[in-house]
Amino acid sequence: MVEEEKDTTDEGLVFPNAVIVRELKKHIDKDKMIRKEVKVGVNKFLAEILSDIAKKMNEFPYATVDYRMFEEAIRPYKKVKELDKEKERMKAHLDVIIQDCQSIQRDLDSKLS
């Protein structure tokens, strides 16, 4: 069953629902349905990000907004993936340290018992 998406400008949302659904469906299994609250939530979240980016670009004192300003404004969003990778790398390193500590503890227990 295909659900017809309507324009959401009358609901106070920034983007049309059809655009949100189309982009979500590119990355979600075909057998899954997307609830309305998810569509609205994604729409509001994207609007919030857009607002933050526009405010950041507006902080520049120039009369024209250029691509360099855009790149500067989106930098925090691009860094999130890098931070997640760094977090995973650090977790793996800590796991190795924990295993080494447990091994040392076992050695000490066996030698001192």
C-alpha atoms as a PDB file:
ATOM      1  CA  MET A   1       0.000   0.000   0.000  1.00  0.00           C
ATOM      2  CA  VAL A   2       1.518   3.318  -1.090  1.00  0.00           C
ATOM      3  CA  GLU A   3       0.728   6.343   1.009  1.00  0.00           C
ATOM      4  CA  GLU A   4       0.322   9.628  -0.847  1.00  0.00           C
ATOM      5  CA  GLU A   5       2.510  12.329   0.702  1.00  0.00           C
ATOM      6  CA  LYS A   6       1.142  15.840   0.859  1.00  0.00           C
ATOM      7  CA  ASP A   7       2.903  19.163   1.090  1.00  0.00           C
ATOM      8  CA  THR A   8       3.412  20.037   4.753  1.00  0.00           C
ATOM      9  CA  THR A   9       3.730  23.794   4.533  1.00  0.00           C
ATOM     10  CA  ASP A  10       0.278  24.104   6.106  1.00  0.00           C
ATOM     11  CA  GLU A  11       1.530  22.117   9.128  1.00  0.00           C
ATOM     12  CA  GLY A  12       4.269  24.664   9.774  1.00  0.00           C
ATOM     13  CA  LEU A  13       7.072  22.370   8.636  1.00  0.00           C
ATOM     14  CA  VAL A  14       9.963  23.657   6.582  1.00  0.00           C
ATOM     15  CA  PHE A  15      10.295  20.820   4.066  1.00  0.00           C
ATOM     16  CA  PRO A  16       7.625  18.914   2.149  1.00  0.00           C
ATOM     17  CA  ASN A  17       6.933  15.488   3.647  1.00  0.00           C
ATOM     18  CA  ALA A  18       7.476  13.810   0.273  1.00  0.00           C
ATOM     19  CA  VAL A  19      11.094  14.998   0.194  1.00  0.00           C
ATOM     20  CA  ILE A  20      11.735  13.727   3.732  1.00  0.00           C
ATOM     21  CA  VAL A  21      10.109  10.354   3.021  1.00  0.00           C
ATOM     22  CA  ARG A  22      11.935   9.916  -0.283  1.00  0.00           C
ATOM     23  CA  GLU A  23      15.305  10.543   1.352  1.00  0.00           C
ATOM     24  CA  LEU A  24      14.528   8.313   4.341  1.00  0.00           C
ATOM     25  CA  LYS A  25      13.403   5.452   2.096  1.00  0.00           C
ATOM     26  CA  LYS A  26      16.749   5.527   0.293  1.00  0.00           C
ATOM     27  CA  HIS A  27      18.362   4.220   3.483  1.00  0.00           C
ATOM     28  CA  ILE A  28      15.583   2.232   5.173  1.00  0.00           C
ATOM     29  CA  ASP A  29      14.513  -1.295   4.203  1.00  0.00           C
ATOM     30  CA  LYS A  30      11.623  -1.365   1.754  1.00  0.00           C
ATOM     31  CA  ASP A  31       9.457  -3.493   4.043  1.00  0.00           C
ATOM     32  CA  LYS A  32       9.542  -0.884   6.828  1.00  0.00           C
ATOM     33  CA  MET A  33       6.973   1.858   7.237  1.00  0.00           C
ATOM     34  CA  ILE A  34       7.860   5.308   8.537  1.00  0.00           C
ATOM     35  CA  ARG A  35       5.534   6.734  11.171  1.00  0.00           C
ATOM     36  CA  LYS A  36       4.274  10.302  10.884  1.00  0.00           C
ATOM     37  CA  GLU A  37       6.017  11.402  14.092  1.00  0.00           C
ATOM     38  CA  VAL A  38       9.347  10.293  12.569  1.00  0.00           C
ATOM     39  CA  LYS A  39       8.685  12.289   9.397  1.00  0.00           C
ATOM     40  CA  VAL A  40       7.741  15.362  11.429  1.00  0.00           C
ATOM     41  CA  GLY A  41      10.694  14.867  13.781  1.00  0.00           C
ATOM     42  CA  VAL A  42      13.179  14.613  10.928  1.00  0.00           C
ATOM     43  CA  ASN A  43      11.638  17.684   9.313  1.00  0.00           C
ATOM     44  CA  LYS A  44      11.923  19.725  12.519  1.00  0.00           C
ATOM     45  CA  PHE A  45      15.460  18.482  13.174  1.00  0.00           C
ATOM     46  CA  LEU A  46      16.605  19.438   9.668  1.00  0.00           C
ATOM     47  CA  ALA A  47      14.939  22.838  10.054  1.00  0.00           C
ATOM     48  CA  GLU A  48      16.838  23.351  13.323  1.00  0.00           C
ATOM     49  CA  ILE A  49      20.147  22.449  11.675  1.00  0.00           C
ATOM     50  CA  LEU A  50      19.373  24.770   8.772  1.00  0.00           C
ATOM     51  CA  SER A  51      18.614  27.572  11.218  1.00  0.00           C
ATOM     52  CA  ASP A  52      21.882  26.990  13.099  1.00  0.00           C
ATOM     53  CA  ILE A  53      23.872  27.014   9.849  1.00  0.00           C
ATOM     54  CA  ALA A  54      22.184  30.224   8.667  1.00  0.00           C
ATOM     55  CA  LYS A  55      22.848  31.938  12.009  1.00  0.00           C
ATOM     56  CA  LYS A  56      26.509  30.896  11.882  1.00  0.00           C
ATOM     57  CA  MET A  57      26.865  32.248   8.330  1.00  0.00           C
ATOM     58  CA  ASN A  58      25.168  35.476   9.401  1.00  0.00           C
ATOM     59  CA  GLU A  59      27.898  36.054  12.001  1.00  0.00           C
ATOM     60  CA  PHE A  60      30.337  36.949   9.225  1.00  0.00           C
ATOM     61  CA  PRO A  61      30.534  40.732   8.632  1.00  0.00           C
ATOM     62  CA  TYR A  62      30.351  40.497   4.849  1.00  0.00           C
ATOM     63  CA  ALA A  63      27.450  41.518   2.605  1.00  0.00           C
ATOM     64  CA  THR A  64      27.583  38.258   0.645  1.00  0.00           C
ATOM     65  CA  VAL A  65      27.494  34.727   1.988  1.00  0.00           C
ATOM     66  CA  ASP A  66      29.960  32.530   0.130  1.00  0.00           C
ATOM     67  CA  TYR A  67      30.799  28.832   0.087  1.00  0.00           C
ATOM     68  CA  ARG A  68      33.717  29.248   2.499  1.00  0.00           C
ATOM     69  CA  MET A  69      31.294  30.614   5.086  1.00  0.00           C
ATOM     70  CA  PHE A  70      28.973  27.689   4.441  1.00  0.00           C
ATOM     71  CA  GLU A  71      31.852  25.225   4.929  1.00  0.00           C
ATOM     72  CA  GLU A  72      32.747  26.940   8.206  1.00  0.00           C
ATOM     73  CA  ALA A  73      29.139  26.781   9.381  1.00  0.00           C
ATOM     74  CA  ILE A  74      28.740  23.053   8.662  1.00  0.00           C
ATOM     75  CA  ARG A  75      32.107  22.059  10.133  1.00  0.00           C
ATOM     76  CA  PRO A  76      30.645  20.924  13.505  1.00  0.00           C
ATOM     77  CA  TYR A  77      28.231  18.596  11.712  1.00  0.00           C
ATOM     78  CA  LYS A  78      31.005  17.122   9.578  1.00  0.00           C
ATOM     79  CA  LYS A  79      33.201  16.574  12.654  1.00  0.00           C
ATOM     80  CA  VAL A  80      30.630  14.316  14.331  1.00  0.00           C
ATOM     81  CA  LYS A  81      31.610  11.314  12.204  1.00  0.00           C
ATOM     82  CA  GLU A  82      35.280  11.879  12.969  1.00  0.00           C
ATOM     83  CA  LEU A  83      34.543  12.142  16.682  1.00  0.00           C
ATOM     84  CA  ASP A  84      32.554   8.891  16.593  1.00  0.00           C
ATOM     85  CA  LYS A  85      35.475   7.114  14.911  1.00  0.00           C
ATOM     86  CA  GLU A  86      37.882   8.513  17.507  1.00  0.00           C
ATOM     87  CA  LYS A  87      35.557   7.397  20.300  1.00  0.00           C
ATOM     88  CA  GLU A  88      35.476   3.837  18.933  1.00  0.00           C
ATOM     89  CA  ARG A  89      39.258   3.816  18.572  1.00  0.00           C
ATOM     90  CA  MET A  90      39.674   4.947  22.178  1.00  0.00           C
ATOM     91  CA  LYS A  91      37.182   2.332  23.427  1.00  0.00           C
ATOM     92  CA  ALA A  92      39.119  -0.411  21.650  1.00  0.00           C
ATOM     93  CA  HIS A  93      42.366   0.856  23.164  1.00  0.00           C
ATOM     94  CA  LEU A  94      40.822   0.945  26.646  1.00  0.00           C
ATOM     95  CA  ASP A  95      39.565  -2.624  26.188  1.00  0.00           C
ATOM     96  CA  VAL A  96      43.130  -3.723  25.437  1.00  0.00           C
ATOM     97  CA  ILE A  97      44.385  -1.914  28.548  1.00  0.00           C
ATOM     98  CA  ILE A  98      41.676  -3.567  30.673  1.00  0.00           C
ATOM     99  CA  GLN A  99      42.635  -6.987  29.322  1.00  0.00           C
ATOM    100  CA  ASP A 100      46.303  -6.290  30.092  1.00  0.00           C
ATOM    101  CA  CYS A 101      45.409  -5.241  33.651  1.00  0.00           C
ATOM    102  CA  GLN A 102      43.334  -8.382  34.154  1.00  0.00           C
ATOM    103  CA  SER A 103      46.203 -10.506  32.846  1.00  0.00           C
ATOM    104  CA  ILE A 104      48.647  -8.824  35.223  1.00  0.00           C
ATOM    105  CA  GLN A 105      46.214  -9.352  38.110  1.00  0.00           C
ATOM    106  CA  ARG A 106      45.911 -13.067  37.268  1.00  0.00           C
ATOM    107  CA  ASP A 107      49.700 -13.378  37.115  1.00  0.00           C
ATOM    108  CA  LEU A 108      50.083 -11.653  40.475  1.00  0.00           C
ATOM    109  CA  ASP A 109      47.361 -13.787  42.041  1.00  0.00           C
ATOM    110  CA  SER A 110      48.972 -16.996  40.818  1.00  0.00           C
ATOM    111  CA  LYS A 111      52.476 -15.956  41.963  1.00  0.00           C
ATOM    112  CA  LEU A 112      51.397 -14.672  45.365  1.00  0.00           C
ATOM    113  CA  SER A 113      49.026 -17.538  46.188  1.00  0.00           C
END
